[in-house]
Amino acid sequence: MAIQLLITRGGLDALVNAEDGETENVKVVSVGLSNRHFTMAPTIEVLPDEFKRLTSISGKASSPTIIHMTAHDVSADIYDLRGLGLYLEDGTLFAVYSQADPIFRKVSIASFMLALDIAFANAGADEIVFDDSTFLWPPATEETRGIAKIATQLQVDAGTDDTAFVTALKLAARLAPIIEQLGQEADTRGAADDQLREDQEAITERLDGTEFALAPSGNFSGQGHMDWPVGGRKFRICWGKTNVAGKTATTDIYDAPFSECFGVFQGGGTADVNSTEALRAYPGSGAQVLTHVNLTNGTQGLLTIHWFAIGMAA
């Protein structure tokens, strides 16, 4: 809804001269701001309690009696806007407006963009023009609101411009060959795995029932085990890892139990591949039993302890 500005006597004189062709169009070059509610009157020559004047303004007639106006304040000032006045290039107060409730409330961290539809009861909006000024927005960053361009496809493909924004279409075009390549790699590796599995099954089938039937079996996961047939029994390796808090002890269950455990080897570190504690070995009667391993963290911080155990299974 458009706010109704009151044209002052000085503003009316300027408008009449413009309509009669005695002068050029009335040009508004700045807007004055007031934090006080005042009674609008045509006799006002100076905006009451004006505390600031903005020159970054623009406007354009959207109908014979309405002008869409914008003004911009990028300062860190804090204020409540309750009144405003439009000034002409010769300093004449052209029109004023005020209301009791704040038109706008500005905080220090916010830029002030005042956008108003201004209605003039009898004035010809086409006779009123604004200074040909443009808002100089800063370049947009992570912290600053501003202007940013859309990246070209070449810029998206290069991946070196940190000032242009990427659209969904250009991002999809950039990712399409990567996704296709990953799919082809997955197909290739899947085919290789299938072939390896088929070869292993073929060898196992040929050796089954012979003295060379040594095909391993087990659970090949992060917490797993592997068995090799040996003289009617199975040589077994179990492995795993677990997080242990500082100055505490815990247990980790083997993926498969032993009938005889030869030893446990473990090392601790802050990441899966970096150890800050030397690899330690425990004898068969030491830190392990047949179903689980006992883990102790003697340091102050959290350790990811990796371990493996070897032994026999029935």
Protein backbone atom coordinates (compact mmCIF):
# COMPACT_ATOMS: atom_id res chain seq x y z
CA MET A 1 0.00 0.00 0.00
CA ALA A 2 1.36 3.42 -1.00
CA ILE A 3 2.00 6.05 1.71
CA GLN A 4 0.48 9.50 1.15
CA LEU A 5 3.08 12.27 1.11
CA LEU A 6 2.08 15.87 1.65
CA ILE A 7 3.62 18.33 -0.80
CA THR A 8 4.91 21.48 0.85
CA ARG A 9 4.27 24.98 -0.49
CA GLY A 10 7.79 25.14 -1.79
CA GLY A 11 7.34 21.76 -3.44
CA LEU A 12 4.01 22.82 -4.97
CA ASP A 13 5.58 25.94 -6.47
CA ALA A 14 8.30 23.83 -8.05
CA LEU A 15 5.75 21.36 -9.36
CA VAL A 16 3.54 24.09 -10.84
CA ASN A 17 6.50 25.61 -12.61
CA ALA A 18 7.39 22.21 -14.03
CA GLU A 19 3.82 21.53 -15.19
CA ASP A 20 3.62 24.97 -16.80
CA GLY A 21 6.82 24.28 -18.66
CA GLU A 22 8.70 27.07 -16.93
CA THR A 23 11.28 24.62 -15.53
CA GLU A 24 12.49 21.08 -16.13
CA ASN A 25 10.88 18.18 -14.27
CA VAL A 26 11.06 18.32 -10.48
CA LYS A 27 14.19 16.38 -9.49
CA VAL A 28 14.42 14.72 -6.07
CA VAL A 29 18.07 14.25 -5.08
CA SER A 30 17.93 13.18 -1.42
CA VAL A 31 15.64 11.96 1.34
CA GLY A 32 15.82 13.30 4.90
CA LEU A 33 15.16 11.01 7.86
CA SER A 34 13.49 11.88 11.15
CA ASN A 35 12.99 9.75 14.25
CA ARG A 36 10.12 11.91 15.53
CA HIS A 37 6.46 11.78 14.67
CA PHE A 38 5.33 15.23 13.57
CA THR A 39 2.18 16.79 12.19
CA MET A 40 2.40 17.12 8.45
CA ALA A 41 1.69 20.62 7.11
CA PRO A 42 2.32 22.39 3.79
CA THR A 43 4.14 25.17 5.63
CA ILE A 44 7.03 22.92 6.68
CA GLU A 45 10.28 24.09 5.14
CA VAL A 46 12.74 21.95 7.13
CA LEU A 47 12.12 18.34 8.13
CA PRO A 48 11.52 18.31 11.93
CA ASP A 49 14.31 16.60 13.89
CA GLU A 50 16.12 15.52 10.76
CA PHE A 51 19.11 13.42 11.82
CA LYS A 52 20.32 12.08 8.48
CA ARG A 53 20.05 12.65 4.77
CA LEU A 54 20.48 9.91 2.17
CA THR A 55 21.59 10.66 -1.36
CA SER A 56 21.62 7.04 -2.56
CA ILE A 57 18.07 7.12 -3.84
CA SER A 58 16.23 6.29 -7.02
CA GLY A 59 12.64 6.28 -8.13
CA LYS A 60 10.30 5.85 -11.04
CA ALA A 61 6.64 6.57 -11.69
CA SER A 62 4.57 3.40 -11.69
CA SER A 63 1.26 5.20 -12.35
CA PRO A 64 0.12 8.82 -12.92
CA THR A 65 -0.02 9.42 -9.15
CA ILE A 66 2.37 6.84 -7.64
CA ILE A 67 6.16 6.70 -7.58
CA HIS A 68 8.19 3.68 -6.44
CA MET A 69 11.18 5.00 -4.50
CA THR A 70 14.16 3.24 -2.93
CA ALA A 71 16.83 4.63 -0.61
CA HIS A 72 19.89 2.90 0.81
CA ASP A 73 21.87 3.31 4.05
CA VAL A 74 24.90 1.03 4.56
CA SER A 75 26.07 2.69 7.78
CA ALA A 76 26.14 1.08 11.23
CA ASP A 77 23.73 3.70 12.61
CA ILE A 78 20.84 2.62 14.81
CA TYR A 79 17.50 4.42 14.58
CA ASP A 80 13.74 4.25 14.28
CA LEU A 81 12.38 6.00 11.20
CA ARG A 82 9.10 7.84 11.82
CA GLY A 83 9.28 10.65 9.31
CA LEU A 84 10.88 11.49 6.00
CA GLY A 85 11.14 14.33 3.55
CA LEU A 86 12.09 14.58 -0.10
CA TYR A 87 14.53 17.34 -1.07
CA LEU A 88 15.00 18.88 -4.50
CA GLU A 89 18.35 19.70 -6.04
CA ASP A 90 18.04 23.36 -4.95
CA GLY A 91 17.50 22.31 -1.32
CA THR A 92 13.72 22.82 -1.30
CA LEU A 93 11.78 20.44 0.94
CA PHE A 94 9.41 19.02 -1.65
CA ALA A 95 7.18 16.68 0.40
CA VAL A 96 6.96 15.16 3.88
CA TYR A 97 5.49 12.14 5.61
CA SER A 98 5.26 11.00 9.24
CA GLN A 99 3.55 8.38 11.38
CA ALA A 100 3.61 7.37 15.05
CA ASP A 101 4.75 3.79 14.56
CA PRO A 102 8.22 3.30 13.10
CA ILE A 103 8.27 3.04 9.33
CA PHE A 104 11.52 1.15 9.67
CA ARG A 105 13.77 0.11 12.56
CA LYS A 106 17.47 -0.10 11.70
CA VAL A 107 20.06 -2.00 13.75
CA SER A 108 23.83 -1.64 13.48
CA ILE A 109 24.43 -4.88 11.63
CA ALA A 110 21.75 -4.28 9.00
CA SER A 111 21.89 -2.29 5.78
CA PHE A 112 18.86 -0.05 5.33
CA MET A 113 16.96 -0.52 2.10
CA LEU A 114 13.87 1.69 2.15
CA ALA A 115 11.44 0.76 -0.60
CA LEU A 116 8.21 2.74 -0.70
CA ASP A 117 5.33 3.40 -3.05
CA ILE A 118 4.63 7.12 -2.68
CA ALA A 119 1.21 8.47 -3.63
CA PHE A 120 0.46 12.09 -4.53
CA ALA A 121 -3.21 13.02 -4.41
CA ASN A 122 -3.16 15.58 -7.21
CA ALA A 123 0.44 15.66 -8.39
CA GLY A 124 1.52 14.32 -11.75
CA ALA A 125 4.04 11.62 -10.92
CA ASP A 126 5.47 11.91 -14.42
CA GLU A 127 6.66 15.43 -13.56
CA ILE A 128 8.79 14.12 -10.67
CA VAL A 129 12.14 12.48 -11.39
CA PHE A 130 14.93 11.25 -9.17
CA ASP A 131 18.63 11.82 -9.33
CA ASP A 132 20.21 9.35 -11.72
CA SER A 133 22.06 7.48 -9.01
CA THR A 134 22.78 3.78 -8.71
CA PHE A 135 23.33 1.83 -5.53
CA LEU A 136 26.96 0.76 -5.44
CA TRP A 137 26.64 -2.58 -3.77
CA PRO A 138 29.94 -4.15 -2.64
CA PRO A 139 31.00 -7.51 -4.05
CA ALA A 140 29.17 -10.29 -2.23
CA THR A 141 31.19 -12.34 0.26
CA GLU A 142 30.38 -14.81 3.03
CA GLU A 143 29.99 -11.88 5.43
CA THR A 144 28.77 -9.03 3.19
CA ARG A 145 25.57 -8.78 1.22
CA GLY A 146 26.22 -7.49 -2.27
CA ILE A 147 26.30 -8.12 -5.99
CA ALA A 148 27.54 -11.37 -7.47
CA LYS A 149 27.53 -12.67 -11.02
CA ILE A 150 26.50 -16.08 -12.25
CA ALA A 151 29.47 -18.23 -13.22
CA THR A 152 29.88 -19.37 -16.80
CA GLN A 153 30.21 -23.06 -17.57
CA LEU A 154 33.94 -22.54 -18.25
CA GLN A 155 34.37 -20.97 -14.80
CA VAL A 156 32.48 -23.83 -13.15
CA ASP A 157 34.59 -26.41 -14.99
CA ALA A 158 37.83 -24.63 -14.03
CA GLY A 159 36.77 -24.34 -10.37
CA THR A 160 39.07 -21.37 -9.64
CA ASP A 161 36.67 -18.37 -9.43
CA ASP A 162 35.51 -17.78 -5.86
CA THR A 163 33.37 -14.72 -6.68
CA ALA A 164 30.76 -16.11 -9.07
CA PHE A 165 27.73 -18.19 -8.10
CA VAL A 166 27.00 -21.63 -9.56
CA THR A 167 23.54 -22.47 -10.88
CA ALA A 168 22.00 -25.92 -10.56
CA LEU A 169 22.15 -26.49 -14.33
CA LYS A 170 25.87 -25.68 -14.63
CA LEU A 171 26.70 -27.73 -11.54
CA ALA A 172 24.82 -30.71 -13.01
CA ALA A 173 26.77 -30.31 -16.26
CA ARG A 174 30.06 -30.24 -14.31
CA LEU A 175 29.21 -33.32 -12.25
CA ALA A 176 27.78 -35.40 -15.11
CA PRO A 177 31.15 -36.68 -16.49
CA ILE A 178 32.46 -37.32 -12.96
CA ILE A 179 29.37 -39.36 -12.07
CA GLU A 180 29.66 -41.27 -15.35
CA GLN A 181 33.33 -42.00 -14.70
CA LEU A 182 32.59 -43.24 -11.18
CA GLY A 183 29.88 -45.48 -12.56
CA GLN A 184 32.25 -46.96 -15.13
CA GLU A 185 34.90 -47.50 -12.46
CA ALA A 186 32.36 -49.23 -10.23
CA ASP A 187 31.30 -51.48 -13.10
CA THR A 188 34.94 -52.33 -13.89
CA ARG A 189 35.78 -53.13 -10.28
CA GLY A 190 32.57 -55.09 -9.87
CA ALA A 191 33.42 -57.20 -12.91
CA ALA A 192 36.95 -57.79 -11.57
CA ASP A 193 35.58 -58.84 -8.18
CA ASP A 194 33.12 -61.20 -9.85
CA GLN A 195 35.93 -62.75 -11.89
CA LEU A 196 38.14 -63.15 -8.82
CA ARG A 197 35.30 -64.78 -6.92
CA GLU A 198 34.63 -67.13 -9.82
CA ASP A 199 38.33 -68.07 -10.03
CA GLN A 200 38.48 -68.73 -6.29
CA GLU A 201 35.35 -70.87 -6.40
CA ALA A 202 36.75 -72.83 -9.34
CA ILE A 203 40.04 -73.50 -7.54
CA THR A 204 38.24 -74.45 -4.35
CA GLU A 205 36.01 -76.83 -6.25
CA ARG A 206 38.99 -78.53 -7.93
CA LEU A 207 40.92 -78.87 -4.64
CA ASP A 208 37.96 -79.87 -2.53
CA GLY A 209 38.54 -83.28 -0.99
CA THR A 210 42.27 -83.25 -1.68
CA GLU A 211 45.22 -82.55 0.59
CA PHE A 212 45.54 -79.14 -1.06
CA ALA A 213 42.07 -77.98 -0.03
CA LEU A 214 43.34 -74.87 1.74
CA ALA A 215 40.82 -72.27 0.58
CA PRO A 216 40.37 -69.65 3.32
CA SER A 217 36.99 -68.57 4.59
CA GLY A 218 35.74 -66.00 7.03
CA ASN A 219 34.12 -62.61 7.50
CA PHE A 220 36.01 -59.88 5.65
CA SER A 221 34.71 -56.77 7.43
CA GLY A 222 36.04 -54.18 9.86
CA GLN A 223 35.51 -56.61 12.74
CA GLY A 224 36.13 -59.98 11.15
CA HIS A 225 38.14 -63.19 10.96
CA MET A 226 39.77 -65.55 8.49
CA ASP A 227 40.28 -69.34 8.71
CA TRP A 228 42.69 -71.67 6.92
CA PRO A 229 42.15 -75.44 7.13
CA VAL A 230 45.15 -77.11 8.78
CA GLY A 231 45.18 -80.83 9.60
CA GLY A 232 41.48 -81.11 10.43
CA ARG A 233 41.48 -77.84 12.39
CA LYS A 234 41.49 -74.17 11.40
CA PHE A 235 44.24 -71.63 11.79
CA ARG A 236 42.31 -68.46 12.70
CA ILE A 237 43.07 -64.72 12.67
CA CYS A 238 40.60 -62.28 14.22
CA TRP A 239 40.89 -58.49 13.96
CA GLY A 240 39.07 -55.35 14.97
CA LYS A 241 39.31 -51.90 16.55
CA THR A 242 37.49 -49.93 19.23
CA ASN A 243 37.66 -46.54 20.93
CA VAL A 244 38.90 -46.59 24.53
CA ALA A 245 38.66 -43.55 26.78
CA GLY A 246 41.70 -42.31 28.67
CA LYS A 247 42.75 -44.31 31.75
CA THR A 248 40.08 -46.96 31.17
CA ALA A 249 39.84 -50.57 30.05
CA THR A 250 37.28 -52.41 27.94
CA THR A 251 36.77 -55.64 26.01
CA ASP A 252 36.13 -56.35 22.34
CA ILE A 253 34.40 -59.56 21.28
CA TYR A 254 36.08 -61.71 18.62
CA ASP A 255 34.12 -62.16 15.43
CA ALA A 256 34.68 -65.91 15.91
CA PRO A 257 35.99 -67.65 19.09
CA PHE A 258 39.25 -69.58 19.45
CA SER A 259 39.75 -73.06 20.82
CA GLU A 260 43.38 -72.07 21.43
CA CYS A 261 44.72 -68.50 21.31
CA PHE A 262 48.44 -67.98 20.66
CA GLY A 263 48.56 -64.23 21.22
CA VAL A 264 47.07 -60.77 20.73
CA PHE A 265 48.77 -57.80 19.08
CA GLN A 266 47.44 -54.29 19.57
CA GLY A 267 48.37 -50.65 19.06
CA GLY A 268 46.59 -47.38 19.86
CA GLY A 269 46.30 -44.15 17.94
CA THR A 270 44.18 -41.06 17.45
CA ALA A 271 43.27 -42.07 13.89
CA ASP A 272 42.77 -45.30 12.02
CA VAL A 273 46.15 -45.21 10.33
CA ASN A 274 48.32 -43.26 12.77
CA SER A 275 49.61 -44.89 15.94
CA THR A 276 50.95 -42.91 18.86
CA GLU A 277 51.58 -46.05 20.85
CA ALA A 278 53.93 -48.87 19.89
CA LEU A 279 52.53 -52.21 18.73
CA ARG A 280 52.33 -54.54 21.72
CA ALA A 281 52.14 -58.33 21.79
CA TYR A 282 50.61 -60.46 24.53
CA PRO A 283 51.19 -64.19 25.08
CA GLY A 284 48.45 -66.74 24.99
CA SER A 285 47.65 -66.36 28.68
CA GLY A 286 47.98 -62.58 28.72
CA ALA A 287 45.53 -59.90 27.58
CA GLN A 288 43.12 -62.17 25.80
CA VAL A 289 40.80 -65.11 26.36
CA LEU A 290 39.18 -67.38 23.83
CA THR A 291 36.13 -65.18 23.14
CA HIS A 292 37.31 -61.58 23.57
CA VAL A 293 40.30 -59.29 23.91
CA ASN A 294 40.98 -57.01 26.89
CA LEU A 295 42.04 -53.48 25.90
CA THR A 296 43.57 -50.87 28.22
CA ASN A 297 44.29 -47.20 27.46
CA GLY A 298 47.02 -45.87 29.76
CA THR A 299 47.05 -42.40 28.22
CA GLN A 300 44.96 -39.38 29.15
CA GLY A 301 43.13 -39.04 25.83
CA LEU A 302 40.83 -41.17 23.70
CA LEU A 303 42.61 -43.89 21.69
CA THR A 304 41.39 -45.95 18.78
CA ILE A 305 43.03 -49.29 19.58
CA HIS A 306 43.56 -51.68 16.67
CA TRP A 307 44.18 -55.33 17.43
CA PHE A 308 44.48 -58.77 15.90
CA ALA A 309 44.67 -62.20 17.48
CA ILE A 310 45.94 -65.52 16.15
CA GLY A 311 45.16 -69.05 17.20
CA MET A 312 43.33 -72.24 16.34
CA ALA A 313 39.67 -73.13 16.05
CA ALA A 314 38.04 -76.54 16.10
